[in-house]
Amino acid sequence: MTVEIRRTWPSTDIAARIAKVVAVDNPEYVEVRAQGAELIVRVRSTSAASARASVDDLLACLHVAEATVAVTQQR
């Protein structure tokens, strides 16, 4: 099973920085990359339960990233 998450950020720089931050904490079955201003995350798993757990963790990280970007852009 493969799950793909795509998120477009305001700039290529932000997408690249978010990719670096998210990639640090993920094992080999999670692929994280920036393509232009888009962040692409692929999770490979042998079960739906495992994929869901990984995606839940990633979405929590992306939520924090969104909040951080919003705060830094207000300055």
PDB file of N, CA and C in Angstrom:
ATOM      1  N   MET A   1       0.847  -1.165   0.000  1.00  0.00           N
ATOM      2  CA  MET A   1       0.000   0.000   0.000  1.00  0.00           C
ATOM      3  C   MET A   1       0.895   1.232   0.000  1.00  0.00           C
ATOM      4  N   THR A   2       0.531   2.201  -0.807  1.00  0.00           N
ATOM      5  CA  THR A   2       1.256   3.471  -0.852  1.00  0.00           C
ATOM      6  C   THR A   2       0.264   4.612  -0.669  1.00  0.00           C
ATOM      7  N   VAL A   3       0.617   5.530   0.215  1.00  0.00           N
ATOM      8  CA  VAL A   3      -0.188   6.724   0.454  1.00  0.00           C
ATOM      9  C   VAL A   3       0.663   7.924   0.071  1.00  0.00           C
ATOM     10  N   GLU A   4       0.096   8.840  -0.690  1.00  0.00           N
ATOM     11  CA  GLU A   4       0.832  10.035  -1.089  1.00  0.00           C
ATOM     12  C   GLU A   4       0.107  11.275  -0.583  1.00  0.00           C
ATOM     13  N   ILE A   5       0.886  12.178   0.003  1.00  0.00           N
ATOM     14  CA  ILE A   5       0.374  13.463   0.480  1.00  0.00           C
ATOM     15  C   ILE A   5       1.094  14.546  -0.304  1.00  0.00           C
ATOM     16  N   ARG A   6       0.341  15.495  -0.824  1.00  0.00           N
ATOM     17  CA  ARG A   6       0.930  16.635  -1.537  1.00  0.00           C
ATOM     18  C   ARG A   6       0.419  17.914  -0.894  1.00  0.00           C
ATOM     19  N   ARG A   7       1.344  18.835  -0.688  1.00  0.00           N
ATOM     20  CA  ARG A   7       0.993  20.129  -0.074  1.00  0.00           C
ATOM     21  C   ARG A   7       1.801  21.208  -0.764  1.00  0.00           C
ATOM     22  N   THR A   8       1.131  22.225  -1.272  1.00  0.00           N
ATOM     23  CA  THR A   8       1.823  23.341  -1.904  1.00  0.00           C
ATOM     24  C   THR A   8       2.053  24.430  -0.865  1.00  0.00           C
ATOM     25  N   TRP A   9       3.295  24.902  -0.800  1.00  0.00           N
ATOM     26  CA  TRP A   9       3.701  25.941   0.143  1.00  0.00           C
ATOM     27  C   TRP A   9       3.850  27.261  -0.606  1.00  0.00           C
ATOM     28  N   PRO A  10       3.967  28.381   0.104  1.00  0.00           N
ATOM     29  CA  PRO A  10       4.060  29.688  -0.557  1.00  0.00           C
ATOM     30  C   PRO A  10       5.296  29.870  -1.442  1.00  0.00           C
ATOM     31  N   SER A  11       6.362  29.101  -1.190  1.00  0.00           N
ATOM     32  CA  SER A  11       7.573  29.262  -2.007  1.00  0.00           C
ATOM     33  C   SER A  11       8.353  27.953  -2.067  1.00  0.00           C
ATOM     34  N   THR A  12       9.266  27.876  -3.028  1.00  0.00           N
ATOM     35  CA  THR A  12      10.124  26.689  -3.140  1.00  0.00           C
ATOM     36  C   THR A  12      11.049  26.578  -1.937  1.00  0.00           C
ATOM     37  N   ASP A  13      11.488  27.705  -1.408  1.00  0.00           N
ATOM     38  CA  ASP A  13      12.367  27.702  -0.235  1.00  0.00           C
ATOM     39  C   ASP A  13      11.668  27.090   0.976  1.00  0.00           C
ATOM     40  N   ILE A  14      10.437  27.484   1.211  1.00  0.00           N
ATOM     41  CA  ILE A  14       9.685  26.936   2.344  1.00  0.00           C
ATOM     42  C   ILE A  14       9.460  25.444   2.152  1.00  0.00           C
ATOM     43  N   ALA A  15       9.071  25.024   0.960  1.00  0.00           N
ATOM     44  CA  ALA A  15       8.850  23.598   0.697  1.00  0.00           C
ATOM     45  C   ALA A  15      10.120  22.791   0.948  1.00  0.00           C
ATOM     46  N   ALA A  16      11.262  23.304   0.515  1.00  0.00           N
ATOM     47  CA  ALA A  16      12.534  22.602   0.718  1.00  0.00           C
ATOM     48  C   ALA A  16      12.879  22.505   2.200  1.00  0.00           C
ATOM     49  N   ARG A  17      12.656  23.578   2.945  1.00  0.00           N
ATOM     50  CA  ARG A  17      12.947  23.551   4.384  1.00  0.00           C
ATOM     51  C   ARG A  17      12.020  22.591   5.121  1.00  0.00           C
ATOM     52  N   ILE A  18      10.750  22.597   4.761  1.00  0.00           N
ATOM     53  CA  ILE A  18       9.799  21.680   5.400  1.00  0.00           C
ATOM     54  C   ILE A  18      10.172  20.237   5.071  1.00  0.00           C
ATOM     55  N   ALA A  19      10.571  19.969   3.839  1.00  0.00           N
ATOM     56  CA  ALA A  19      10.987  18.616   3.455  1.00  0.00           C
ATOM     57  C   ALA A  19      12.161  18.148   4.305  1.00  0.00           C
ATOM     58  N   LYS A  20      13.139  19.018   4.528  1.00  0.00           N
ATOM     59  CA  LYS A  20      14.296  18.652   5.356  1.00  0.00           C
ATOM     60  C   LYS A  20      13.879  18.323   6.778  1.00  0.00           C
ATOM     61  N   VAL A  21      13.036  19.151   7.330  1.00  0.00           N
ATOM     62  CA  VAL A  21      12.601  18.951   8.714  1.00  0.00           C
ATOM     63  C   VAL A  21      11.804  17.656   8.859  1.00  0.00           C
ATOM     64  N   VAL A  22      10.879  17.420   7.953  1.00  0.00           N
ATOM     65  CA  VAL A  22      10.031  16.232   8.037  1.00  0.00           C
ATOM     66  C   VAL A  22      10.829  14.964   7.742  1.00  0.00           C
ATOM     67  N   ALA A  23      11.767  15.028   6.817  1.00  0.00           N
ATOM     68  CA  ALA A  23      12.543  13.847   6.425  1.00  0.00           C
ATOM     69  C   ALA A  23      13.454  13.346   7.537  1.00  0.00           C
ATOM     70  N   VAL A  24      13.914  14.225   8.399  1.00  0.00           N
ATOM     71  CA  VAL A  24      14.854  13.840   9.453  1.00  0.00           C
ATOM     72  C   VAL A  24      14.286  12.755  10.351  1.00  0.00           C
ATOM     73  N   ASP A  25      13.009  12.815  10.621  1.00  0.00           N
ATOM     74  CA  ASP A  25      12.394  11.930  11.606  1.00  0.00           C
ATOM     75  C   ASP A  25      11.723  10.701  10.995  1.00  0.00           C
ATOM     76  N   ASN A  26      11.979  10.421   9.737  1.00  0.00           N
ATOM     77  CA  ASN A  26      11.239   9.341   9.095  1.00  0.00           C
ATOM     78  C   ASN A  26      12.140   8.215   8.611  1.00  0.00           C
ATOM     79  N   PRO A  27      11.660   6.994   8.763  1.00  0.00           N
ATOM     80  CA  PRO A  27      12.420   5.818   8.324  1.00  0.00           C
ATOM     81  C   PRO A  27      12.407   5.660   6.808  1.00  0.00           C
ATOM     82  N   GLU A  28      13.056   4.608   6.357  1.00  0.00           N
ATOM     83  CA  GLU A  28      13.244   4.396   4.921  1.00  0.00           C
ATOM     84  C   GLU A  28      11.949   4.143   4.150  1.00  0.00           C
ATOM     85  N   TYR A  29      10.868   3.764   4.817  1.00  0.00           N
ATOM     86  CA  TYR A  29       9.622   3.516   4.091  1.00  0.00           C
ATOM     87  C   TYR A  29       8.806   4.793   3.864  1.00  0.00           C
ATOM     88  N   VAL A  30       9.376   5.932   4.273  1.00  0.00           N
ATOM     89  CA  VAL A  30       8.743   7.229   4.035  1.00  0.00           C
ATOM     90  C   VAL A  30       9.669   8.054   3.146  1.00  0.00           C
ATOM     91  N   GLU A  31       9.153   8.495   2.013  1.00  0.00           N
ATOM     92  CA  GLU A  31       9.921   9.331   1.082  1.00  0.00           C
ATOM     93  C   GLU A  31       9.374  10.755   1.155  1.00  0.00           C
ATOM     94  N   VAL A  32      10.261  11.700   1.405  1.00  0.00           N
ATOM     95  CA  VAL A  32       9.867  13.106   1.499  1.00  0.00           C
ATOM     96  C   VAL A  32      10.726  13.901   0.530  1.00  0.00           C
ATOM     97  N   ARG A  33      10.077  14.719  -0.315  1.00  0.00           N
ATOM     98  CA  ARG A  33      10.849  15.560  -1.231  1.00  0.00           C
ATOM     99  C   ARG A  33      10.050  16.805  -1.583  1.00  0.00           C
ATOM    100  N   ALA A  34      10.793  17.819  -1.968  1.00  0.00           N
ATOM    101  CA  ALA A  34      10.175  19.049  -2.452  1.00  0.00           C
ATOM    102  C   ALA A  34      10.354  19.095  -3.963  1.00  0.00           C
ATOM    103  N   GLN A  35       9.293  19.441  -4.646  1.00  0.00           N
ATOM    104  CA  GLN A  35       9.332  19.617  -6.099  1.00  0.00           C
ATOM    105  C   GLN A  35       8.752  21.001  -6.364  1.00  0.00           C
ATOM    106  N   GLY A  36       9.645  21.956  -6.547  1.00  0.00           N
ATOM    107  CA  GLY A  36       9.197  23.342  -6.621  1.00  0.00           C
ATOM    108  C   GLY A  36       8.633  23.748  -5.272  1.00  0.00           C
ATOM    109  N   ALA A  37       7.456  24.338  -5.270  1.00  0.00           N
ATOM    110  CA  ALA A  37       6.818  24.758  -4.020  1.00  0.00           C
ATOM    111  C   ALA A  37       5.947  23.660  -3.416  1.00  0.00           C
ATOM    112  N   GLU A  38       5.978  22.486  -4.025  1.00  0.00           N
ATOM    113  CA  GLU A  38       5.142  21.387  -3.550  1.00  0.00           C
ATOM    114  C   GLU A  38       5.955  20.395  -2.727  1.00  0.00           C
ATOM    115  N   LEU A  39       5.411  20.021  -1.581  1.00  0.00           N
ATOM    116  CA  LEU A  39       5.995  18.973  -0.748  1.00  0.00           C
ATOM    117  C   LEU A  39       5.277  17.676  -1.084  1.00  0.00           C
ATOM    118  N   ILE A  40       6.044  16.633  -1.342  1.00  0.00           N
ATOM    119  CA  ILE A  40       5.469  15.336  -1.681  1.00  0.00           C
ATOM    120  C   ILE A  40       5.972  14.326  -0.661  1.00  0.00           C
ATOM    121  N   VAL A  41       5.033  13.637  -0.037  1.00  0.00           N
ATOM    122  CA  VAL A  41       5.369  12.623   0.960  1.00  0.00           C
ATOM    123  C   VAL A  41       4.720  11.317   0.523  1.00  0.00           C
ATOM    124  N   ARG A  42       5.514  10.247   0.453  1.00  0.00           N
ATOM    125  CA  ARG A  42       4.991   8.920   0.115  1.00  0.00           C
ATOM    126  C   ARG A  42       5.292   7.970   1.263  1.00  0.00           C
ATOM    127  N   VAL A  43       4.272   7.280   1.691  1.00  0.00           N
ATOM    128  CA  VAL A  43       4.410   6.290   2.757  1.00  0.00           C
ATOM    129  C   VAL A  43       4.107   4.928   2.154  1.00  0.00           C
ATOM    130  N   ARG A  44       5.039   4.002   2.309  1.00  0.00           N
ATOM    131  CA  ARG A  44       4.827   2.630   1.844  1.00  0.00           C
ATOM    132  C   ARG A  44       4.638   1.746   3.064  1.00  0.00           C
ATOM    133  N   SER A  45       3.646   0.880   3.005  1.00  0.00           N
ATOM    134  CA  SER A  45       3.342   0.039   4.149  1.00  0.00           C
ATOM    135  C   SER A  45       2.740  -1.278   3.685  1.00  0.00           C
ATOM    136  N   THR A  46       2.840  -2.269   4.552  1.00  0.00           N
ATOM    137  CA  THR A  46       2.253  -3.571   4.233  1.00  0.00           C
ATOM    138  C   THR A  46       0.824  -3.693   4.747  1.00  0.00           C
ATOM    139  N   SER A  47       0.386  -2.730   5.566  1.00  0.00           N
ATOM    140  CA  SER A  47      -0.982  -2.792   6.082  1.00  0.00           C
ATOM    141  C   SER A  47      -1.589  -1.393   6.173  1.00  0.00           C
ATOM    142  N   ALA A  48      -2.900  -1.360   6.148  1.00  0.00           N
ATOM    143  CA  ALA A  48      -3.606  -0.086   6.272  1.00  0.00           C
ATOM    144  C   ALA A  48      -3.377   0.537   7.647  1.00  0.00           C
ATOM    145  N   ALA A  49      -3.335  -0.281   8.679  1.00  0.00           N
ATOM    146  CA  ALA A  49      -3.131   0.235  10.041  1.00  0.00           C
ATOM    147  C   ALA A  49      -1.770   0.906  10.181  1.00  0.00           C
ATOM    148  N   SER A  50      -0.755   0.298   9.632  1.00  0.00           N
ATOM    149  CA  SER A  50       0.593   0.866   9.695  1.00  0.00           C
ATOM    150  C   SER A  50       0.675   2.151   8.875  1.00  0.00           C
ATOM    151  N   ALA A  51       0.068   2.147   7.704  1.00  0.00           N
ATOM    152  CA  ALA A  51       0.057   3.349   6.864  1.00  0.00           C
ATOM    153  C   ALA A  51      -0.667   4.484   7.577  1.00  0.00           C
ATOM    154  N   ARG A  52      -1.774   4.162   8.208  1.00  0.00           N
ATOM    155  CA  ARG A  52      -2.541   5.189   8.921  1.00  0.00           C
ATOM    156  C   ARG A  52      -1.730   5.787  10.065  1.00  0.00           C
ATOM    157  N   ALA A  53      -1.041   4.954  10.819  1.00  0.00           N
ATOM    158  CA  ALA A  53      -0.223   5.456  11.931  1.00  0.00           C
ATOM    159  C   ALA A  53       0.869   6.394  11.419  1.00  0.00           C
ATOM    160  N   SER A  54       1.519   6.010  10.325  1.00  0.00           N
ATOM    161  CA  SER A  54       2.576   6.850   9.753  1.00  0.00           C
ATOM    162  C   SER A  54       2.013   8.164   9.224  1.00  0.00           C
ATOM    163  N   VAL A  55       0.889   8.095   8.529  1.00  0.00           N
ATOM    164  CA  VAL A  55       0.268   9.301   7.976  1.00  0.00           C
ATOM    165  C   VAL A  55      -0.201  10.224   9.105  1.00  0.00           C
ATOM    166  N   ASP A  56      -0.758   9.654  10.169  1.00  0.00           N
ATOM    167  CA  ASP A  56      -1.165  10.477  11.318  1.00  0.00           C
ATOM    168  C   ASP A  56       0.021  11.249  11.885  1.00  0.00           C
ATOM    169  N   ASP A  57       1.161  10.573  12.051  1.00  0.00           N
ATOM    170  CA  ASP A  57       2.370  11.233  12.558  1.00  0.00           C
ATOM    171  C   ASP A  57       2.826  12.346  11.617  1.00  0.00           C
ATOM    172  N   LEU A  58       2.824  12.049  10.324  1.00  0.00           N
ATOM    173  CA  LEU A  58       3.253  13.045   9.342  1.00  0.00           C
ATOM    174  C   LEU A  58       2.324  14.255   9.312  1.00  0.00           C
ATOM    175  N   LEU A  59       1.033  14.018   9.402  1.00  0.00           N
ATOM    176  CA  LEU A  59       0.085  15.134   9.399  1.00  0.00           C
ATOM    177  C   LEU A  59       0.257  16.011  10.636  1.00  0.00           C
ATOM    178  N   ALA A  60       0.589  15.407  11.765  1.00  0.00           N
ATOM    179  CA  ALA A  60       0.862  16.200  12.970  1.00  0.00           C
ATOM    180  C   ALA A  60       2.083  17.087  12.748  1.00  0.00           C
ATOM    181  N   CYS A  61       3.123  16.539  12.132  1.00  0.00           N
ATOM    182  CA  CYS A  61       4.327  17.326  11.823  1.00  0.00           C
ATOM    183  C   CYS A  61       4.006  18.451  10.843  1.00  0.00           C
ATOM    184  N   LEU A  62       3.217  18.150   9.829  1.00  0.00           N
ATOM    185  CA  LEU A  62       2.855  19.169   8.844  1.00  0.00           C
ATOM    186  C   LEU A  62       1.977  20.262   9.459  1.00  0.00           C
ATOM    187  N   HIS A  63       1.155  19.898  10.415  1.00  0.00           N
ATOM    188  CA  HIS A  63       0.332  20.892  11.115  1.00  0.00           C
ATOM    189  C   HIS A  63       1.222  21.897  11.849  1.00  0.00           C
ATOM    190  N   VAL A  64       2.235  21.399  12.532  1.00  0.00           N
ATOM    191  CA  VAL A  64       3.181  22.282  13.225  1.00  0.00           C
ATOM    192  C   VAL A  64       3.929  23.144  12.211  1.00  0.00           C
ATOM    193  N   ALA A  65       4.314  22.552  11.089  1.00  0.00           N
ATOM    194  CA  ALA A  65       5.016  23.309  10.047  1.00  0.00           C
ATOM    195  C   ALA A  65       4.135  24.434   9.510  1.00  0.00           C
ATOM    196  N   GLU A  66       2.856  24.150   9.271  1.00  0.00           N
ATOM    197  CA  GLU A  66       1.932  25.184   8.791  1.00  0.00           C
ATOM    198  C   GLU A  66       1.835  26.336   9.787  1.00  0.00           C
ATOM    199  N   ALA A  67       1.720  26.002  11.062  1.00  0.00           N
ATOM    200  CA  ALA A  67       1.623  27.039  12.094  1.00  0.00           C
ATOM    201  C   ALA A  67       2.899  27.872  12.143  1.00  0.00           C
ATOM    202  N   THR A  68       4.036  27.220  12.022  1.00  0.00           N
ATOM    203  CA  THR A  68       5.318  27.923  12.051  1.00  0.00           C
ATOM    204  C   THR A  68       5.454  28.856  10.856  1.00  0.00           C
ATOM    205  N   VAL A  69       5.106  28.375   9.678  1.00  0.00           N
ATOM    206  CA  VAL A  69       5.172  29.208   8.473  1.00  0.00           C
ATOM    207  C   VAL A  69       4.240  30.410   8.617  1.00  0.00           C
ATOM    208  N   ALA A  70       3.041  30.190   9.129  1.00  0.00           N
ATOM    209  CA  ALA A  70       2.081  31.288   9.295  1.00  0.00           C
ATOM    210  C   ALA A  70       2.628  32.360  10.236  1.00  0.00           C
ATOM    211  N   VAL A  71       3.239  31.939  11.330  1.00  0.00           N
ATOM    212  CA  VAL A  71       3.792  32.899  12.297  1.00  0.00           C
ATOM    213  C   VAL A  71       4.958  33.666  11.691  1.00  0.00           C
ATOM    214  N   THR A  72       5.845  32.970  10.999  1.00  0.00           N
ATOM    215  CA  THR A  72       7.023  33.640  10.439  1.00  0.00           C
ATOM    216  C   THR A  72       6.653  34.580   9.300  1.00  0.00           C
ATOM    217  N   GLN A  73       5.586  34.301   8.580  1.00  0.00           N
ATOM    218  CA  GLN A  73       5.180  35.183   7.489  1.00  0.00           C
ATOM    219  C   GLN A  73       4.470  36.437   7.988  1.00  0.00           C
ATOM    220  N   GLN A  74       3.993  36.415   9.219  1.00  0.00           N
ATOM    221  CA  GLN A  74       3.334  37.589   9.792  1.00  0.00           C
ATOM    222  C   GLN A  74       4.338  38.648  10.218  1.00  0.00           C
ATOM    223  N   ARG A  75       5.577  38.258  10.370  1.00  0.00           N
ATOM    224  CA  ARG A  75       6.608  39.194  10.850  1.00  0.00           C
ATOM    225  C   ARG A  75       7.079  40.111   9.769  1.00  0.00           C
TER     226      ARG A  75
END
